[in-house]
Protein backbone atom coordinates (compact mmCIF):
# COMPACT_ATOMS: atom_id res chain seq x y z
CA MET A 1 -2.53 -13.51 3.39
CA GLU A 2 0.37 -13.20 0.96
CA ILE A 3 2.15 -9.91 0.43
CA LYS A 4 2.97 -8.55 -3.02
CA TYR A 5 4.74 -5.37 -1.88
CA ILE A 6 5.62 -3.86 1.48
CA THR A 7 7.79 -0.93 2.52
CA ASN A 8 8.35 1.02 5.69
CA ARG A 9 10.40 4.20 5.22
CA ASP A 10 11.36 7.40 6.99
CA LEU A 11 10.54 10.64 5.16
CA GLN A 12 12.35 13.96 5.09
CA ASN A 13 10.65 17.33 5.22
CA SER A 14 11.59 20.29 3.03
CA ALA A 15 14.38 21.24 5.48
CA GLY A 16 16.01 17.78 5.12
CA GLN A 17 15.07 16.54 8.60
CA VAL A 18 13.64 13.03 9.05
CA LYS A 19 10.27 13.65 10.70
CA GLY A 20 7.74 11.50 8.84
CA LYS A 21 7.05 7.86 8.09
CA VAL A 22 5.23 5.90 5.44
CA ARG A 23 4.14 2.27 5.39
CA VAL A 24 2.76 0.72 2.21
CA LEU A 25 1.21 -2.74 1.99
CA VAL A 26 -0.17 -4.43 -1.13
CA LEU A 27 -1.63 -7.92 -0.91
CA LYS A 28 -1.16 -10.49 -3.64
CA GLY A 29 -3.93 -10.37 -6.23
CA GLU A 30 -4.85 -6.76 -5.38
CA THR A 31 -3.99 -3.49 -7.10
CA ILE A 32 -4.89 -1.22 -4.17
CA ALA A 33 -2.17 -0.06 -1.76
CA ASN A 34 -2.97 0.40 1.94
CA ILE A 35 -0.96 3.41 3.09
CA ASP A 36 -0.18 4.74 6.58
CA LEU A 37 1.43 8.17 6.22
CA THR A 38 2.81 10.57 8.83
CA CYS A 39 3.50 13.82 7.01
CA PRO A 40 7.09 15.03 7.57
CA GLU A 41 6.01 18.65 7.09
CA CYS A 42 2.98 19.04 9.39
CA GLY A 43 2.93 15.75 11.37
CA CYS A 44 -0.61 14.81 10.26
CA VAL A 45 -1.29 11.04 10.50
CA GLN A 46 -3.36 9.59 7.65
CA LYS A 47 -4.60 6.24 6.40
CA LYS A 48 -5.39 6.00 2.70
CA LYS A 49 -5.97 3.57 -0.11
CA GLN A 50 -4.95 4.24 -3.67
CA GLU A 51 -4.02 2.47 -6.88
CA PHE A 52 -0.56 0.86 -6.62
CA LYS A 53 2.01 1.78 -9.24
CA LEU A 54 5.67 2.65 -8.69
CA PRO A 55 6.69 5.41 -8.35
CA LEU A 56 3.94 6.00 -5.82
CA ASP A 57 2.89 9.65 -5.55
CA LEU A 58 1.45 10.66 -2.18
CA GLN A 59 0.15 13.98 -0.96
CA CYS A 60 -0.73 15.16 2.55
CA GLU A 61 -4.43 15.97 2.80
CA LYS A 62 -3.81 18.72 5.36
CA CYS A 63 -0.84 20.73 4.05
CA GLY A 64 -0.44 19.40 0.49
CA PHE A 65 3.19 18.23 0.94
CA LYS A 66 4.08 15.79 -1.87
CA VAL A 67 6.04 12.57 -1.40
CA LYS A 68 7.26 10.38 -4.26
CA LEU A 69 8.23 6.80 -3.39
CA GLN A 70 10.48 5.08 -5.92
CA SER A 71 11.83 1.56 -5.80
CA LEU A 72 14.65 1.22 -3.28
CA ARG A 73 17.16 0.33 -6.01
CA LYS A 74 16.58 3.64 -7.78
CA GLU A 75 16.68 5.54 -4.50
CA ILE A 76 20.02 3.98 -3.52
CA LYS A 77 21.53 4.74 -6.96
CA LYS A 78 20.62 8.43 -6.51
CA LYS A 79 22.62 8.64 -3.29
């Protein structure tokens, strides 16, 4: 099992508090991302699969909170 892309990040809610997490795993030769998401807004834990393409747009199924994951380089440049 070779990994093409992996990330494990903390997520902020709309108030700026770190309350959520996301883990994304894409295996080599696949285009589907396996995603474990804990929504920072409502705390709902979800497992999903979706097409992998950066930036990765995620949305909570329960409350509709949107998360956009960019590459870490772009995220660091913003700060």
